[in-house]
Amino acid sequence: MIMVLANSVLTAIDCDDPVSLANFYARIIGGKIHEFEFGASGESGWVEIREGEVRLLALQKVPDYQPPTWPSGGLPQQMHLDFQVEDLNVGEEFVLSIGAVKCQVQPGGTFRVFLDPAGHPFCLVIPGALSE
């Protein structure tokens, strides 16, 4: 085991448009968007959402990105994010209004599954559901 510094774990999500996806997630988690050049093109290929100096989430441009086909198909979800919300209906209304799509497959009653604009699944979860 290595010694990891507090608040130093950062999740990076592959996508084709990191700026757009960062704008989507910043609407959910807050924070400020920081763009970084990626390669010789000068394009924003690495984008972080930060709250002060704390890095909350990163988005990375991947050439030829293909979205997951979860729950079926040849491309698994690879990862997903869970966001605790007080009210699933209010949370659902909000994420749909900013561009999420509700999955047809809803495998539980204490959470709801959505797809972000790049096709990654994420969940809204009521408090206590993650500890069950």
C-alpha atoms as a PDB file:
ATOM      1  CA  MET A   1       0.000   0.000   0.000  1.00  0.00           C
ATOM      2  CA  ILE A   2       1.193   3.527  -0.735  1.00  0.00           C
ATOM      3  CA  MET A   3       0.488   6.625   1.309  1.00  0.00           C
ATOM      4  CA  VAL A   4      -2.114   8.645  -0.605  1.00  0.00           C
ATOM      5  CA  LEU A   5      -2.513  12.280   0.346  1.00  0.00           C
ATOM      6  CA  ALA A   6      -5.896  13.352   1.732  1.00  0.00           C
ATOM      7  CA  ASN A   7      -8.316  14.592  -0.962  1.00  0.00           C
ATOM      8  CA  SER A   8      -5.911  13.483  -3.687  1.00  0.00           C
ATOM      9  CA  VAL A   9      -7.964  10.808  -5.424  1.00  0.00           C
ATOM     10  CA  LEU A  10      -9.433  12.140  -8.663  1.00  0.00           C
ATOM     11  CA  THR A  11     -11.855  10.343 -10.952  1.00  0.00           C
ATOM     12  CA  ALA A  12     -11.262  11.076 -14.641  1.00  0.00           C
ATOM     13  CA  ILE A  13     -13.967  10.276 -17.184  1.00  0.00           C
ATOM     14  CA  ASP A  14     -13.138   9.582 -20.830  1.00  0.00           C
ATOM     15  CA  CYS A  15     -15.290  11.387 -23.402  1.00  0.00           C
ATOM     16  CA  ASP A  16     -15.217  13.140 -26.770  1.00  0.00           C
ATOM     17  CA  ASP A  17     -16.005  16.663 -25.479  1.00  0.00           C
ATOM     18  CA  PRO A  18     -14.547  17.269 -22.002  1.00  0.00           C
ATOM     19  CA  VAL A  19     -15.631  20.925 -21.797  1.00  0.00           C
ATOM     20  CA  SER A  20     -19.261  20.106 -22.513  1.00  0.00           C
ATOM     21  CA  LEU A  21     -19.289  17.167 -20.107  1.00  0.00           C
ATOM     22  CA  ALA A  22     -17.591  19.268 -17.408  1.00  0.00           C
ATOM     23  CA  ASN A  23     -20.348  21.858 -17.771  1.00  0.00           C
ATOM     24  CA  PHE A  24     -22.935  19.103 -17.287  1.00  0.00           C
ATOM     25  CA  TYR A  25     -21.325  17.710 -14.119  1.00  0.00           C
ATOM     26  CA  ALA A  26     -20.548  21.149 -12.663  1.00  0.00           C
ATOM     27  CA  ARG A  27     -24.301  21.806 -12.718  1.00  0.00           C
ATOM     28  CA  ILE A  28     -24.737  18.734 -10.479  1.00  0.00           C
ATOM     29  CA  ILE A  29     -21.768  18.989  -8.093  1.00  0.00           C
ATOM     30  CA  GLY A  30     -20.883  22.684  -8.243  1.00  0.00           C
ATOM     31  CA  GLY A  31     -17.314  23.879  -8.544  1.00  0.00           C
ATOM     32  CA  LYS A  32     -15.424  25.836 -11.161  1.00  0.00           C
ATOM     33  CA  ILE A  33     -14.195  24.492 -14.495  1.00  0.00           C
ATOM     34  CA  HIS A  34     -10.488  24.616 -15.338  1.00  0.00           C
ATOM     35  CA  GLU A  35      -9.401  23.772 -18.903  1.00  0.00           C
ATOM     36  CA  PHE A  36      -5.944  22.485 -19.827  1.00  0.00           C
ATOM     37  CA  GLU A  37      -4.344  22.109 -23.242  1.00  0.00           C
ATOM     38  CA  PHE A  38      -3.941  18.602 -24.545  1.00  0.00           C
ATOM     39  CA  GLY A  39      -1.202  17.807 -27.032  1.00  0.00           C
ATOM     40  CA  ALA A  40      -0.015  19.949 -29.905  1.00  0.00           C
ATOM     41  CA  SER A  41      -3.520  21.039 -30.955  1.00  0.00           C
ATOM     42  CA  GLY A  42      -3.954  23.413 -28.018  1.00  0.00           C
ATOM     43  CA  GLU A  43      -7.424  21.928 -27.585  1.00  0.00           C
ATOM     44  CA  SER A  44      -8.961  21.537 -24.114  1.00  0.00           C
ATOM     45  CA  GLY A  45      -8.339  17.841 -23.694  1.00  0.00           C
ATOM     46  CA  TRP A  46      -8.196  17.727 -19.905  1.00  0.00           C
ATOM     47  CA  VAL A  47     -10.777  19.587 -17.856  1.00  0.00           C
ATOM     48  CA  GLU A  48     -11.130  19.598 -14.085  1.00  0.00           C
ATOM     49  CA  ILE A  49     -13.992  20.681 -11.874  1.00  0.00           C
ATOM     50  CA  ARG A  50     -12.558  22.201  -8.711  1.00  0.00           C
ATOM     51  CA  GLU A  51     -13.850  23.644  -5.471  1.00  0.00           C
ATOM     52  CA  GLY A  52     -11.030  25.943  -4.432  1.00  0.00           C
ATOM     53  CA  GLU A  53      -7.915  23.775  -4.603  1.00  0.00           C
ATOM     54  CA  VAL A  54      -9.851  20.508  -4.274  1.00  0.00           C
ATOM     55  CA  ARG A  55     -10.144  18.640  -7.568  1.00  0.00           C
ATOM     56  CA  LEU A  56     -13.637  17.123  -7.701  1.00  0.00           C
ATOM     57  CA  LEU A  57     -13.773  15.463 -11.109  1.00  0.00           C
ATOM     58  CA  ALA A  58     -11.773  15.396 -14.339  1.00  0.00           C
ATOM     59  CA  LEU A  59     -12.870  14.874 -17.926  1.00  0.00           C
ATOM     60  CA  GLN A  60     -10.431  13.653 -20.558  1.00  0.00           C
ATOM     61  CA  LYS A  61     -10.703  13.769 -24.356  1.00  0.00           C
ATOM     62  CA  VAL A  62     -10.228  10.360 -25.938  1.00  0.00           C
ATOM     63  CA  PRO A  63      -9.841  10.031 -29.714  1.00  0.00           C
ATOM     64  CA  ASP A  64     -12.525   7.801 -31.225  1.00  0.00           C
ATOM     65  CA  TYR A  65     -14.441   7.694 -27.924  1.00  0.00           C
ATOM     66  CA  GLN A  66     -17.324   5.204 -27.910  1.00  0.00           C
ATOM     67  CA  PRO A  67     -19.958   5.480 -25.158  1.00  0.00           C
ATOM     68  CA  PRO A  68     -20.811   2.467 -23.006  1.00  0.00           C
ATOM     69  CA  THR A  69     -23.736   0.351 -24.175  1.00  0.00           C
ATOM     70  CA  TRP A  70     -24.753  -0.689 -20.648  1.00  0.00           C
ATOM     71  CA  PRO A  71     -26.793  -2.642 -19.661  1.00  0.00           C
ATOM     72  CA  SER A  72     -26.379  -4.663 -22.842  1.00  0.00           C
ATOM     73  CA  GLY A  73     -23.994  -4.721 -25.737  1.00  0.00           C
ATOM     74  CA  GLY A  74     -20.262  -4.967 -26.197  1.00  0.00           C
ATOM     75  CA  LEU A  75     -19.082  -1.871 -24.291  1.00  0.00           C
ATOM     76  CA  PRO A  76     -19.520  -2.150 -20.492  1.00  0.00           C
ATOM     77  CA  GLN A  77     -20.106   0.880 -18.300  1.00  0.00           C
ATOM     78  CA  GLN A  78     -16.507   0.720 -16.949  1.00  0.00           C
ATOM     79  CA  MET A  79     -17.424   3.034 -14.060  1.00  0.00           C
ATOM     80  CA  HIS A  80     -20.310   5.137 -12.807  1.00  0.00           C
ATOM     81  CA  LEU A  81     -20.869   7.921 -10.313  1.00  0.00           C
ATOM     82  CA  ASP A  82     -23.434   7.931  -7.499  1.00  0.00           C
ATOM     83  CA  PHE A  83     -24.889  11.230  -6.260  1.00  0.00           C
ATOM     84  CA  GLN A  84     -26.893  11.294  -3.036  1.00  0.00           C
ATOM     85  CA  VAL A  85     -30.058  13.392  -3.265  1.00  0.00           C
ATOM     86  CA  GLU A  86     -32.811  14.076  -0.740  1.00  0.00           C
ATOM     87  CA  ASP A  87     -35.617  13.522  -3.250  1.00  0.00           C
ATOM     88  CA  LEU A  88     -35.331  11.247  -6.289  1.00  0.00           C
ATOM     89  CA  ASN A  89     -38.154  13.006  -8.151  1.00  0.00           C
ATOM     90  CA  VAL A  90     -36.628  16.470  -7.716  1.00  0.00           C
ATOM     91  CA  GLY A  91     -33.176  15.126  -8.612  1.00  0.00           C
ATOM     92  CA  GLU A  92     -34.540  13.390 -11.692  1.00  0.00           C
ATOM     93  CA  GLU A  93     -36.298  16.539 -12.897  1.00  0.00           C
ATOM     94  CA  PHE A  94     -33.071  18.517 -12.502  1.00  0.00           C
ATOM     95  CA  VAL A  95     -30.687  16.126 -14.269  1.00  0.00           C
ATOM     96  CA  LEU A  96     -33.141  15.642 -17.132  1.00  0.00           C
ATOM     97  CA  SER A  97     -33.393  19.428 -17.517  1.00  0.00           C
ATOM     98  CA  ILE A  98     -29.613  19.716 -18.007  1.00  0.00           C
ATOM     99  CA  GLY A  99     -29.277  16.942 -20.568  1.00  0.00           C
ATOM    100  CA  ALA A 100     -29.305  13.569 -18.804  1.00  0.00           C
ATOM    101  CA  VAL A 101     -31.337  10.677 -20.202  1.00  0.00           C
ATOM    102  CA  LYS A 102     -33.158   8.255 -17.915  1.00  0.00           C
ATOM    103  CA  CYS A 103     -32.151   4.631 -18.520  1.00  0.00           C
ATOM    104  CA  GLN A 104     -34.885   2.207 -19.471  1.00  0.00           C
ATOM    105  CA  VAL A 105     -33.362  -0.280 -17.023  1.00  0.00           C
ATOM    106  CA  GLN A 106     -34.027   0.721 -13.396  1.00  0.00           C
ATOM    107  CA  PRO A 107     -32.763  -2.159 -11.225  1.00  0.00           C
ATOM    108  CA  GLY A 108     -33.588  -0.725  -7.772  1.00  0.00           C
ATOM    109  CA  GLY A 109     -36.068   1.331  -5.784  1.00  0.00           C
ATOM    110  CA  THR A 110     -33.628   3.453  -3.768  1.00  0.00           C
ATOM    111  CA  PHE A 111     -31.762   4.844  -6.764  1.00  0.00           C
ATOM    112  CA  ARG A 112     -32.338   5.859 -10.386  1.00  0.00           C
ATOM    113  CA  VAL A 113     -29.974   5.356 -13.309  1.00  0.00           C
ATOM    114  CA  PHE A 114     -29.319   8.022 -15.947  1.00  0.00           C
ATOM    115  CA  LEU A 115     -26.893   8.567 -18.822  1.00  0.00           C
ATOM    116  CA  ASP A 116     -24.779  11.712 -19.028  1.00  0.00           C
ATOM    117  CA  PRO A 117     -24.442  13.492 -22.402  1.00  0.00           C
ATOM    118  CA  ALA A 118     -21.439  11.275 -23.287  1.00  0.00           C
ATOM    119  CA  GLY A 119     -23.390   8.083 -22.510  1.00  0.00           C
ATOM    120  CA  HIS A 120     -21.867   7.209 -19.106  1.00  0.00           C
ATOM    121  CA  PRO A 121     -24.333   5.785 -16.581  1.00  0.00           C
ATOM    122  CA  PHE A 122     -24.679   7.600 -13.253  1.00  0.00           C
ATOM    123  CA  CYS A 123     -27.094   7.196 -10.360  1.00  0.00           C
ATOM    124  CA  LEU A 124     -29.102   9.424  -8.083  1.00  0.00           C
ATOM    125  CA  VAL A 125     -29.343   7.681  -4.716  1.00  0.00           C
ATOM    126  CA  ILE A 126     -31.422   8.459  -1.631  1.00  0.00           C
ATOM    127  CA  PRO A 127     -29.518   8.788   1.691  1.00  0.00           C
ATOM    128  CA  GLY A 128     -28.818   5.479   3.385  1.00  0.00           C
ATOM    129  CA  ALA A 129     -29.189   3.464   0.179  1.00  0.00           C
ATOM    130  CA  LEU A 130     -25.420   3.091  -0.230  1.00  0.00           C
ATOM    131  CA  SER A 131     -25.002   1.634   3.242  1.00  0.00           C
ATOM    132  CA  GLU A 132     -27.653  -1.078   2.764  1.00  0.00           C
END
